[in-house]
Amino acid sequence: MKKGTGIVLLFFCLTTWGQDTDKIFYYLNSSLSVGNFSGGQLGFNLGVNERFSFHLEYSALARPAKEKPENYSGGLLSIFALGATNPTDNVESFRILGGVFRSLRPGAKTRINFKAGVSFITKSEAFNFIKDPAEGLLLVPNYSWENRKENRVGIVLKPEFETVFNHFAGLAVTPFLEITSQTTVGGLSIGLLLGKVAE
């Protein structure tokens, strides 16, 4: 009797799920972030019936190197390169998230997508700064340095506030927190949503 009841319930759940999937949303998000690291993200979102979501995202963030000496100078090369040659600490991550949609009120154009999941992180840090004897040339940095890399698995929390302009575009504002045993990355991102964002 219990097995028969279980089979009936399973069939009912699958049938209900099949009826709910008539509203499937799929869209890209591109965002810029500021926080203790700054940079951007690019991701793909899949939403079902404005109830559940699945999210894949690549994130690239950076900050000025934490171990950079106080008297560091990038030289003229740094000026011409707009600072791109200066030492930085970088965090790159690939994120896999699941979420739940909540509308602020029925028919509202703003919804909250509570997302959380895991991230696979590569962190690169500049270290071992050595005074460069060529610093008097004023063309190149007055220090040389090395980079160390480490790979970690982290946890991500991202409650996303999505405002839908029409069926194909929207805006997202997202506070986020990414935590590993060695690093905590947090901040706020603002991004554009493009695709099928609503019915």
Protein backbone atom coordinates (compact mmCIF):
# COMPACT_ATOMS: atom_id res chain seq x y z
CA MET A 1 0.00 0.00 0.00
CA LYS A 2 2.84 2.39 0.91
CA LYS A 3 4.64 1.66 -2.36
CA GLY A 4 1.46 2.32 -4.34
CA THR A 5 0.88 5.61 -2.53
CA GLY A 6 4.50 6.63 -3.17
CA ILE A 7 4.19 5.90 -6.90
CA VAL A 8 0.97 7.92 -7.14
CA LEU A 9 2.60 10.87 -5.31
CA LEU A 10 5.68 10.69 -7.55
CA PHE A 11 3.48 10.65 -10.67
CA PHE A 12 1.48 13.61 -9.34
CA CYS A 13 4.67 15.60 -8.63
CA LEU A 14 6.10 14.90 -12.08
CA THR A 15 2.81 15.86 -13.74
CA THR A 16 2.66 19.09 -11.72
CA TRP A 17 6.30 19.87 -12.61
CA GLY A 18 5.53 19.34 -16.28
CA GLN A 19 2.62 21.76 -16.10
CA ASP A 20 4.74 24.36 -14.30
CA THR A 21 7.50 24.40 -16.90
CA ASP A 22 5.38 26.34 -19.41
CA LYS A 23 7.14 29.49 -18.14
CA ILE A 24 10.82 28.97 -18.76
CA PHE A 25 13.12 31.99 -18.74
CA TYR A 26 16.67 31.98 -20.09
CA TYR A 27 18.85 35.04 -20.17
CA LEU A 28 22.40 36.33 -19.94
CA ASN A 29 23.69 38.69 -17.29
CA SER A 30 26.69 40.98 -17.61
CA SER A 31 27.65 42.95 -14.52
CA LEU A 32 30.30 45.14 -12.92
CA SER A 33 31.24 44.77 -9.25
CA VAL A 34 32.82 46.89 -6.55
CA GLY A 35 33.94 45.76 -3.11
CA ASN A 36 37.14 44.53 -1.52
CA PHE A 37 37.86 43.26 -5.07
CA SER A 38 36.47 44.91 -8.23
CA GLY A 39 35.77 43.58 -11.72
CA GLY A 40 32.97 41.91 -13.61
CA GLN A 41 30.86 38.82 -14.19
CA LEU A 42 29.26 37.09 -17.15
CA GLY A 43 26.62 34.44 -16.61
CA PHE A 44 23.72 32.38 -17.92
CA ASN A 45 20.41 32.10 -16.03
CA LEU A 46 17.62 29.58 -16.35
CA GLY A 47 14.36 30.24 -14.51
CA VAL A 48 11.28 28.03 -14.22
CA ASN A 49 7.86 29.57 -13.67
CA GLU A 50 9.43 32.42 -11.65
CA ARG A 51 9.90 29.89 -8.84
CA PHE A 52 13.30 28.24 -9.30
CA SER A 53 16.51 29.29 -11.00
CA PHE A 54 19.81 27.80 -12.12
CA HIS A 55 22.85 29.97 -12.74
CA LEU A 56 26.30 29.50 -14.30
CA GLU A 57 28.71 32.42 -13.96
CA TYR A 58 32.31 33.40 -14.60
CA SER A 59 33.75 36.14 -12.38
CA ALA A 60 37.05 38.03 -12.70
CA LEU A 61 37.97 40.39 -9.86
CA ALA A 62 41.15 42.22 -8.81
CA ARG A 63 42.59 44.65 -6.28
CA PRO A 64 45.97 46.42 -5.87
CA ALA A 65 48.51 43.92 -4.52
CA LYS A 66 48.24 43.68 -0.75
CA GLU A 67 52.01 43.17 -0.34
CA LYS A 68 52.99 46.05 -2.66
CA PRO A 69 55.68 48.25 -1.01
CA GLU A 70 54.65 51.78 -0.03
CA ASN A 71 57.32 53.34 -2.25
CA TYR A 72 56.35 51.29 -5.30
CA SER A 73 56.25 53.21 -8.60
CA GLY A 74 55.08 51.82 -11.91
CA GLY A 75 57.12 54.28 -13.96
CA LEU A 76 56.08 55.82 -17.26
CA LEU A 77 55.18 52.37 -18.58
CA SER A 78 52.38 52.16 -15.99
CA ILE A 79 51.04 55.58 -17.02
CA PHE A 80 50.90 54.65 -20.71
CA ALA A 81 49.26 51.30 -19.84
CA LEU A 82 46.68 53.03 -17.57
CA GLY A 83 47.94 51.06 -14.58
CA ALA A 84 47.48 47.65 -16.21
CA THR A 85 51.13 46.72 -15.56
CA ASN A 86 50.93 47.35 -11.81
CA PRO A 87 50.93 44.33 -9.46
CA THR A 88 47.48 43.04 -8.49
CA ASP A 89 45.84 40.27 -6.51
CA ASN A 90 43.30 38.49 -8.73
CA VAL A 91 40.38 36.19 -8.03
CA GLU A 92 38.83 34.25 -10.92
CA SER A 93 35.92 31.94 -10.22
CA PHE A 94 33.43 29.71 -11.96
CA ARG A 95 30.16 29.63 -10.02
CA ILE A 96 27.30 27.11 -10.03
CA LEU A 97 24.22 28.45 -8.23
CA GLY A 98 20.64 27.47 -7.55
CA GLY A 99 17.95 29.90 -6.50
CA VAL A 100 14.35 30.66 -5.61
CA PHE A 101 12.34 33.54 -7.08
CA ARG A 102 10.13 35.73 -4.93
CA SER A 103 8.04 38.58 -6.35
CA LEU A 104 7.63 41.64 -4.18
CA ARG A 105 3.93 41.57 -5.03
CA PRO A 106 1.75 39.88 -7.69
CA GLY A 107 2.36 41.41 -11.11
CA ALA A 108 5.34 43.44 -9.89
CA LYS A 109 8.19 44.14 -12.27
CA THR A 110 10.75 43.63 -9.51
CA ARG A 111 11.57 40.20 -8.13
CA ILE A 112 14.19 38.75 -5.80
CA ASN A 113 16.23 35.75 -6.89
CA PHE A 114 17.78 34.23 -3.76
CA LYS A 115 20.82 32.40 -5.14
CA ALA A 116 23.48 30.32 -3.43
CA GLY A 117 25.97 27.70 -4.51
CA VAL A 118 29.60 26.74 -4.93
CA SER A 119 32.51 28.34 -6.74
CA PHE A 120 35.79 27.01 -8.07
CA ILE A 121 38.34 29.75 -7.46
CA THR A 122 41.83 30.53 -8.69
CA LYS A 123 43.54 33.25 -6.66
CA SER A 124 46.76 34.90 -7.80
CA GLU A 125 48.78 37.17 -5.49
CA ALA A 126 51.84 39.31 -6.13
CA PHE A 127 54.63 38.72 -3.59
CA ASN A 128 58.41 38.72 -3.07
CA PHE A 129 58.92 42.31 -4.19
CA ILE A 130 62.59 43.04 -4.98
CA LYS A 131 64.05 46.49 -5.55
CA ASP A 132 64.96 46.90 -9.22
CA PRO A 133 68.37 48.49 -9.94
CA ALA A 134 66.94 50.06 -13.12
CA GLU A 135 64.50 52.23 -11.16
CA GLY A 136 66.43 55.41 -12.01
CA LEU A 137 65.32 55.14 -15.64
CA LEU A 138 61.77 56.18 -14.62
CA LEU A 139 60.40 54.03 -17.43
CA VAL A 140 59.80 50.73 -15.68
CA PRO A 141 58.56 49.76 -12.19
CA ASN A 142 61.07 50.21 -9.37
CA TYR A 143 60.28 46.70 -8.07
CA SER A 144 60.05 43.26 -9.62
CA TRP A 145 57.82 40.57 -8.09
CA GLU A 146 56.52 37.04 -8.39
CA ASN A 147 52.99 35.64 -8.49
CA ARG A 148 51.69 32.71 -6.48
CA LYS A 149 48.50 30.84 -7.36
CA GLU A 150 46.18 28.64 -5.39
CA ASN A 151 42.92 26.86 -6.19
CA ARG A 152 40.04 26.69 -3.75
CA VAL A 153 36.40 25.73 -3.51
CA GLY A 154 34.12 28.36 -2.02
CA ILE A 155 30.54 29.12 -1.06
CA VAL A 156 28.62 31.94 -2.78
CA LEU A 157 25.58 33.89 -1.53
CA LYS A 158 23.87 36.20 -4.05
CA PRO A 159 20.41 37.65 -3.37
CA GLU A 160 19.67 39.32 -6.70
CA PHE A 161 17.12 42.11 -7.10
CA GLU A 162 15.90 41.96 -10.71
CA THR A 163 13.84 44.69 -12.35
CA VAL A 164 12.24 43.65 -15.64
CA PHE A 165 11.80 46.40 -18.25
CA ASN A 166 10.07 44.18 -20.82
CA HIS A 167 10.14 40.55 -21.99
CA PHE A 168 13.75 40.76 -23.16
CA ALA A 169 15.69 43.12 -20.87
CA GLY A 170 16.16 43.95 -17.23
CA LEU A 171 18.50 45.29 -14.58
CA ALA A 172 19.95 43.43 -11.59
CA VAL A 173 21.43 44.80 -8.36
CA THR A 174 23.22 42.14 -6.34
CA PRO A 175 25.05 42.16 -3.02
CA PHE A 176 27.31 39.09 -2.99
CA LEU A 177 29.60 37.16 -0.69
CA GLU A 178 32.10 34.50 -1.79
CA ILE A 179 33.87 32.63 1.00
CA THR A 180 36.81 30.20 1.03
CA SER A 181 39.06 29.02 3.83
CA GLN A 182 41.62 31.68 2.82
CA THR A 183 39.72 34.54 1.18
CA THR A 184 36.44 36.40 1.54
CA VAL A 185 35.23 38.42 -1.44
CA GLY A 186 32.26 40.71 -1.00
CA GLY A 187 30.65 43.67 -2.68
CA LEU A 188 27.84 44.92 -4.87
CA SER A 189 27.30 44.30 -8.57
CA ILE A 190 25.03 46.04 -11.08
CA GLY A 191 24.25 44.25 -14.31
CA LEU A 192 22.17 44.03 -17.43
CA LEU A 193 19.85 41.08 -18.13
CA LEU A 194 19.29 40.13 -21.78
CA GLY A 195 17.18 37.28 -23.15
CA LYS A 196 13.79 35.92 -22.18
CA VAL A 197 13.53 37.51 -18.75
CA ALA A 198 9.73 37.41 -18.40
CA GLU A 199 6.51 36.36 -20.11
